[in-house]
Protein backbone atom coordinates (compact mmCIF):
# COMPACT_ATOMS: atom_id res chain seq x y z
CA MET A 1 -14.33 -27.03 -41.12
CA ASN A 2 -13.60 -24.82 -44.33
CA LYS A 3 -11.98 -21.39 -42.94
CA ARG A 4 -15.44 -19.92 -44.29
CA HIS A 5 -17.14 -21.74 -41.16
CA LEU A 6 -14.55 -22.09 -38.75
CA LEU A 7 -14.33 -17.61 -39.03
CA ARG A 8 -18.00 -17.64 -38.52
CA ALA A 9 -17.75 -20.51 -35.64
CA THR A 10 -15.26 -18.32 -33.92
CA THR A 11 -17.17 -15.26 -34.42
CA LEU A 12 -20.47 -16.39 -32.75
CA VAL A 13 -18.45 -17.81 -29.55
CA ALA A 14 -16.36 -14.14 -29.24
CA ALA A 15 -20.13 -12.70 -29.69
CA SER A 16 -21.26 -15.30 -27.05
CA LEU A 17 -18.34 -14.23 -24.16
CA LEU A 18 -19.16 -10.68 -25.11
CA LEU A 19 -22.87 -10.54 -24.24
CA ALA A 20 -22.28 -13.17 -21.23
CA GLY A 21 -19.56 -10.01 -19.83
CA LEU A 22 -22.49 -7.75 -20.72
CA GLY A 23 -25.14 -9.74 -19.02
CA GLN A 24 -22.89 -9.68 -15.66
CA ALA A 25 -22.05 -6.98 -15.84
CA GLN A 26 -26.07 -5.79 -15.94
CA ASP A 27 -26.68 -8.19 -13.36
CA PHE A 28 -26.24 -5.82 -10.91
CA PRO A 29 -27.18 -5.10 -8.28
CA PRO A 30 -27.21 -8.90 -7.28
CA ASN A 31 -31.27 -10.28 -7.11
CA LYS A 32 -30.76 -10.97 -3.43
CA PRO A 33 -29.16 -9.14 -0.11
CA VAL A 34 -25.31 -8.43 -0.26
CA THR A 35 -23.35 -9.72 2.74
CA LEU A 36 -20.02 -7.62 3.59
CA VAL A 37 -18.13 -9.80 6.33
CA VAL A 38 -15.68 -8.58 8.46
CA GLY A 39 -13.68 -10.41 10.31
CA PHE A 40 -13.68 -8.97 13.57
CA ALA A 41 -16.42 -8.38 16.62
CA PRO A 42 -18.87 -5.44 16.53
CA GLY A 43 -17.73 -1.91 18.39
CA GLY A 44 -14.40 -1.76 16.83
CA ALA A 45 -12.92 0.86 14.33
CA ALA A 46 -12.84 -1.75 11.49
CA ASP A 47 -16.93 -2.64 12.11
CA ALA A 48 -17.97 1.20 12.42
CA ALA A 49 -16.08 1.66 9.21
CA ALA A 50 -18.29 -1.40 7.59
CA ARG A 51 -21.28 -0.82 9.01
CA LEU A 52 -21.60 3.28 8.08
CA ILE A 53 -20.17 2.36 4.34
CA ALA A 54 -22.68 -0.64 4.24
CA LYS A 55 -25.60 2.00 4.76
CA LYS A 56 -24.67 3.87 2.32
CA LEU A 57 -24.19 1.23 -0.17
CA GLY A 58 -27.33 -0.06 0.26
CA ASP A 59 -29.37 3.25 -0.27
CA ASN A 60 -27.09 3.99 -3.51
CA ILE A 61 -27.64 0.42 -5.33
CA GLY A 62 -30.86 -0.10 -3.99
CA GLN A 63 -30.35 -3.46 -2.11
CA LYS A 64 -29.69 -4.27 1.52
CA VAL A 65 -25.53 -4.47 2.53
CA VAL A 66 -25.95 -6.81 5.43
CA VAL A 67 -22.59 -6.65 7.91
CA ASP A 68 -21.68 -10.11 9.50
CA ASN A 69 -19.34 -10.25 11.93
CA LYS A 70 -17.33 -13.57 11.90
CA ALA A 71 -14.42 -12.84 14.60
CA GLY A 72 -11.33 -15.32 15.26
CA ALA A 73 -7.87 -15.57 14.53
CA GLY A 74 -7.06 -12.43 13.42
CA GLY A 75 -9.47 -12.13 10.84
CA ASN A 76 -8.55 -15.18 8.98
CA ILE A 77 -11.89 -16.89 9.73
CA ALA A 78 -13.27 -14.23 7.96
CA HIS A 79 -10.80 -14.38 5.22
CA GLN A 80 -11.19 -17.95 4.67
CA LEU A 81 -15.30 -17.76 4.76
CA VAL A 82 -15.26 -15.60 2.31
CA ALA A 83 -12.31 -16.92 -0.13
CA ALA A 84 -14.93 -19.88 -0.56
CA GLY A 85 -17.79 -17.80 -0.93
CA PRO A 86 -20.42 -17.38 -3.80
CA ALA A 87 -19.01 -15.58 -6.52
CA ASP A 88 -22.08 -13.98 -7.77
CA GLY A 89 -21.28 -10.28 -6.54
CA SER A 90 -23.62 -10.98 -3.42
CA MET A 91 -20.86 -11.53 -0.75
CA LEU A 92 -17.84 -8.75 -0.11
CA LEU A 93 -15.31 -9.04 2.22
CA PHE A 94 -13.76 -5.82 4.79
CA GLY A 95 -10.15 -7.03 4.67
CA SER A 96 -7.59 -6.01 6.46
CA ILE A 97 -4.12 -5.58 6.37
CA GLY A 98 -3.16 -8.89 8.46
CA PRO A 99 -4.74 -11.51 6.88
CA LEU A 100 -4.21 -10.44 3.32
CA THR A 101 -0.49 -9.60 3.57
CA ILE A 102 0.86 -10.68 6.51
CA ALA A 103 -1.20 -13.83 8.15
CA PRO A 104 0.19 -16.26 4.83
CA HIS A 105 3.88 -15.67 6.24
CA VAL A 106 3.68 -16.19 9.59
CA MET A 107 1.14 -19.34 9.70
CA LYS A 108 -0.56 -21.54 7.45
CA VAL A 109 -3.84 -20.38 5.95
CA ARG A 110 -6.36 -21.91 4.02
CA TYR A 111 -6.39 -19.44 0.97
CA ASP A 112 -4.38 -17.37 -1.20
CA PRO A 113 -5.01 -13.60 -0.87
CA PHE A 114 -3.92 -13.30 -4.60
CA LYS A 115 -5.70 -16.21 -5.99
CA ASP A 116 -8.93 -17.22 -3.68
CA LEU A 117 -9.96 -13.62 -3.09
CA ALA A 118 -10.13 -10.56 -5.72
CA ALA A 119 -9.02 -6.70 -5.51
CA VAL A 120 -12.14 -4.52 -5.57
CA SER A 121 -11.20 -1.34 -3.67
CA GLY A 122 -9.34 0.11 -0.68
CA GLY A 123 -11.10 0.91 1.79
CA VAL A 124 -9.78 3.23 4.91
CA ASN A 125 -6.19 3.45 6.88
CA PHE A 126 -5.24 4.55 9.66
CA PRO A 127 -1.35 4.72 11.66
CA ASN A 128 -0.78 3.28 14.98
CA VAL A 129 0.96 5.67 17.79
CA LEU A 130 3.52 4.10 19.97
CA VAL A 131 2.84 4.95 23.59
CA VAL A 132 4.59 4.19 26.64
CA ASN A 133 3.77 4.09 30.46
CA LYS A 134 4.92 6.95 32.67
CA GLY A 135 6.79 4.18 35.05
CA VAL A 136 9.18 4.10 31.43
CA GLY A 137 10.52 7.69 32.36
CA VAL A 138 11.08 8.96 28.96
CA LYS A 139 9.11 11.52 26.72
CA THR A 140 10.53 11.59 23.26
CA LEU A 141 11.32 8.53 20.54
CA ALA A 142 14.85 9.48 21.01
CA GLU A 143 14.82 8.96 24.38
CA PHE A 144 12.77 5.38 23.97
CA VAL A 145 15.57 4.21 21.82
CA ALA A 146 18.47 5.37 23.88
CA LEU A 147 16.84 3.37 26.83
CA ALA A 148 16.33 0.34 24.49
CA LYS A 149 20.20 0.43 23.63
CA LYS A 150 21.21 0.87 26.68
CA LYS A 151 19.18 -1.75 27.95
CA PRO A 152 18.79 -4.62 25.24
CA GLY A 153 16.22 -7.37 26.17
CA SER A 154 14.77 -5.67 29.07
CA ILE A 155 12.27 -2.99 27.12
CA ASP A 156 9.29 -4.80 25.64
CA PHE A 157 6.01 -3.91 23.51
CA ALA A 158 2.32 -5.07 23.67
CA SER A 159 0.47 -6.39 20.39
CA THR A 160 -2.98 -7.52 19.47
CA GLY A 161 -1.49 -11.08 18.44
CA ALA A 162 1.36 -12.55 16.46
CA GLY A 163 1.29 -11.39 13.02
CA SER A 164 -0.93 -8.33 13.98
CA ALA A 165 -0.31 -5.19 12.46
CA SER A 166 1.10 -3.90 16.07
CA HIS A 167 3.60 -6.68 16.34
CA LEU A 168 4.85 -5.75 12.94
CA ALA A 169 4.95 -2.30 13.12
CA GLY A 170 6.76 -3.14 16.41
CA GLU A 171 9.51 -5.26 14.60
CA LEU A 172 10.32 -2.97 11.70
CA PHE A 173 10.41 -0.46 14.25
CA ASN A 174 13.35 -2.94 16.28
CA GLN A 175 14.69 -3.18 12.66
CA ARG A 176 14.82 0.50 11.56
CA ALA A 177 16.37 1.59 14.83
CA GLY A 178 18.73 -1.39 15.62
CA ILE A 179 16.80 -2.44 18.96
CA ASP A 180 15.77 -5.31 20.05
CA MET A 181 12.29 -4.71 22.21
CA VAL A 182 10.27 -8.29 23.33
CA HIS A 183 6.90 -8.83 21.65
CA VAL A 184 4.14 -9.55 24.70
CA PRO A 185 1.45 -10.47 22.41
CA TYR A 186 -2.44 -9.82 23.81
CA LYS A 187 -5.59 -11.31 22.46
CA GLY A 188 -7.36 -7.69 21.93
CA GLY A 189 -6.60 -3.72 22.26
CA ALA A 190 -8.11 -4.23 25.83
CA PRO A 191 -6.02 -6.19 27.37
CA ALA A 192 -2.84 -4.72 26.01
CA LEU A 193 -3.78 -1.46 27.11
CA GLN A 194 -4.75 -2.69 30.71
CA ASP A 195 -1.16 -4.45 31.44
CA LEU A 196 0.20 -1.05 29.36
CA LEU A 197 -1.75 1.29 32.06
CA GLY A 198 -0.97 -1.43 34.80
CA GLU A 199 2.87 -0.92 34.13
CA ARG A 200 3.07 -4.74 33.36
CA VAL A 201 4.32 -3.66 29.61
CA ALA A 202 6.30 -0.81 28.59
CA SER A 203 5.08 0.33 25.49
CA TYR A 204 2.41 -0.68 22.48
CA PHE A 205 1.86 0.70 19.17
CA SER A 206 -2.26 0.98 19.64
CA ALA A 207 -4.58 1.96 17.54
CA PRO A 208 -5.24 5.68 18.49
CA PRO A 209 -8.53 5.70 19.36
CA THR A 210 -7.69 3.10 21.94
CA ALA A 211 -4.39 5.23 22.81
CA LEU A 212 -6.39 8.64 22.89
CA PRO A 213 -8.32 9.17 25.54
CA GLN A 214 -5.54 7.89 28.20
CA ILE A 215 -2.97 10.36 26.40
CA GLU A 216 -5.54 12.83 26.74
CA ALA A 217 -5.78 11.93 30.68
CA GLY A 218 -2.01 12.25 31.01
CA ASN A 219 -2.10 8.41 31.75
CA LEU A 220 0.11 7.33 29.05
CA ILE A 221 2.99 9.54 26.73
CA PRO A 222 3.08 9.67 23.17
CA LEU A 223 6.46 9.38 21.62
CA ALA A 224 5.24 8.67 17.71
CA THR A 225 3.07 8.28 14.98
CA THR A 226 3.29 5.22 12.16
CA GLY A 227 2.18 6.95 9.06
CA SER A 228 3.63 8.97 6.71
CA THR A 229 2.31 11.87 7.93
CA ARG A 230 0.67 13.23 10.81
CA PRO A 231 -3.14 12.15 11.94
CA ALA A 232 -5.21 15.45 11.88
CA TYR A 233 -6.62 14.76 15.42
CA MET A 234 -2.84 14.26 16.51
CA PRO A 235 -1.60 17.05 15.50
CA ASN A 236 1.11 17.77 18.14
CA ILE A 237 2.46 14.01 18.40
CA PRO A 238 5.60 13.23 15.40
CA THR A 239 5.94 10.64 13.10
CA VAL A 240 8.73 8.04 13.52
CA ALA A 241 9.82 8.64 9.85
CA GLU A 242 9.85 12.69 11.49
CA SER A 243 11.92 11.40 14.55
CA GLY A 244 14.66 10.62 12.63
CA TYR A 245 13.49 7.33 11.14
CA PRO A 246 12.73 8.42 7.08
CA GLY A 247 10.60 6.82 5.17
CA PHE A 248 8.75 4.66 7.92
CA GLU A 249 6.11 4.24 7.86
CA ALA A 250 3.29 0.97 9.39
CA LEU A 251 -0.13 1.81 8.66
CA ASN A 252 -3.56 -0.03 9.37
CA TRP A 253 -5.78 -0.85 6.60
CA TYR A 254 -8.88 -2.38 5.24
CA ALA A 255 -10.24 -3.14 1.97
CA PHE A 256 -12.63 -4.52 -0.19
CA VAL A 257 -12.09 -7.74 -1.58
CA ALA A 258 -14.83 -10.29 -3.23
CA PRO A 259 -14.54 -14.24 -3.89
CA GLY A 260 -11.62 -15.04 -6.42
CA LYS A 261 -14.09 -16.09 -9.11
CA THR A 262 -16.16 -13.10 -9.18
CA PRO A 263 -16.78 -12.10 -12.70
CA ALA A 264 -14.79 -9.24 -13.34
CA PRO A 265 -17.41 -6.80 -14.50
CA VAL A 266 -19.21 -7.46 -11.15
CA LEU A 267 -16.25 -6.99 -9.42
CA ASP A 268 -15.75 -3.32 -11.81
CA ARG A 269 -18.99 -2.32 -10.82
CA TRP A 270 -18.43 -2.79 -6.82
CA ASN A 271 -15.15 -0.92 -7.41
CA LEU A 272 -17.37 2.16 -8.85
CA GLU A 273 -20.10 2.20 -6.00
CA ILE A 274 -17.65 1.82 -3.33
CA VAL A 275 -15.32 4.56 -4.68
CA LYS A 276 -17.95 6.22 -4.84
CA VAL A 277 -18.85 5.68 -1.38
CA LEU A 278 -15.53 6.88 -0.27
CA ASN A 279 -15.92 10.14 -1.86
CA ASP A 280 -19.22 10.89 -0.52
CA PRO A 281 -18.36 13.99 2.01
CA GLY A 282 -20.79 12.74 4.66
CA VAL A 283 -18.85 9.55 4.46
CA LYS A 284 -15.36 10.69 5.05
CA GLU A 285 -16.52 13.04 7.58
CA SER A 286 -17.91 10.31 9.79
CA LEU A 287 -14.95 8.25 9.01
CA ASP A 288 -12.58 11.30 10.26
CA LYS A 289 -14.86 10.69 13.28
CA HIS A 290 -13.31 7.52 13.79
CA GLY A 291 -10.00 8.73 12.95
CA LEU A 292 -10.03 6.43 9.49
CA THR A 293 -9.17 7.86 6.28
CA PRO A 294 -10.63 6.86 2.86
CA GLN A 295 -8.22 5.21 0.88
CA PRO A 296 -10.39 4.49 -2.67
CA THR A 297 -8.20 3.06 -5.26
CA THR A 298 -8.94 1.42 -8.61
CA ARG A 299 -9.05 -2.60 -8.81
CA ALA A 300 -5.21 -2.52 -10.54
CA GLU A 301 -3.89 0.31 -7.80
CA PHE A 302 -4.95 -1.68 -4.69
CA THR A 303 -3.76 -5.16 -6.30
CA ALA A 304 -0.40 -3.48 -6.57
CA PHE A 305 -0.64 -1.63 -3.17
CA MET A 306 -1.36 -4.91 -1.59
CA ARG A 307 1.42 -6.92 -3.29
CA LYS A 308 4.06 -4.27 -1.86
CA GLU A 309 2.69 -4.86 1.29
CA ASP A 310 2.88 -8.38 0.96
CA ALA A 311 6.68 -7.89 0.36
CA LYS A 312 7.71 -5.65 3.10
CA TRP A 313 6.11 -7.54 5.62
CA GLY A 314 7.33 -10.89 4.75
CA GLY A 315 10.72 -9.59 4.37
CA ILE A 316 10.16 -8.16 8.03
CA VAL A 317 8.58 -11.93 9.14
CA ARG A 318 11.62 -13.57 7.45
CA GLU A 319 14.22 -11.35 8.84
CA ARG A 320 13.15 -11.30 13.03
CA LYS A 321 12.15 -15.07 12.32
CA ILE A 322 8.29 -14.01 13.42
CA THR A 323 5.78 -16.87 13.83
CA ALA A 324 2.70 -17.76 15.00
CA ASP A 325 4.10 -19.20 18.33
């Protein structure tokens, strides 16, 4: 093949690729209902946020967006399902911190979060709140740490399971405070809270919606929240960072990801639509009522954020020798 023919062939291939990309970008919304998979049972914060966002997304794009709850294994079942799902833009996952950045360091999972799943946008986040039962006899974080140091190995903390966000928040605090609280895993927030109220466990890094009614009723003592700033619905509770541990942050977050082979133009369109919804004043107001802060990002920003979280929590898992057992 001479240079003239080679140049022509190369130009045709480039044009074909460009047209294919444009075709993929224009093939939006998908010509069938979109599935938004959620790795948790109906009724929780993740489900409420996903349904609210899905409704607005569907209205905006003129295509139905159906929430599909695939609970189990701390969300890992849903992440594995989507990793192997159709890469045509018809499936999204409301992914979470545990399966995306913690579980791969704690147990063997059947997906690679950075290869088998593709970042679309951040979703929502919220801090935990460290609460203790009245029997512990402390009212501040400083008193709690002093007690833990005075009686090493005698103070325990509940979580929603090994490798969960609430578990890792406790282990991060163990590291930063130089204490050794004993981890007690539960199969969810409800049994953890029940044992905390029954004084069968001393403390719990709880999701605020779970703990707030008991705090307001005077049944639990809040010591600190785990975000970088105080949430608007808990203005009188200090953060761990401002209580003597600068830089401490342990947020729960949910984000949008898709099957890893989804074409980039389709991912870009989904990012555009999701960010639009997360910035909608009505959606923001509704999320706020659930104690959730919108976290819209570009695809690159969320990928960088996820890698940072992966490195942070992977380090804690190794240092604290955390396993799924």
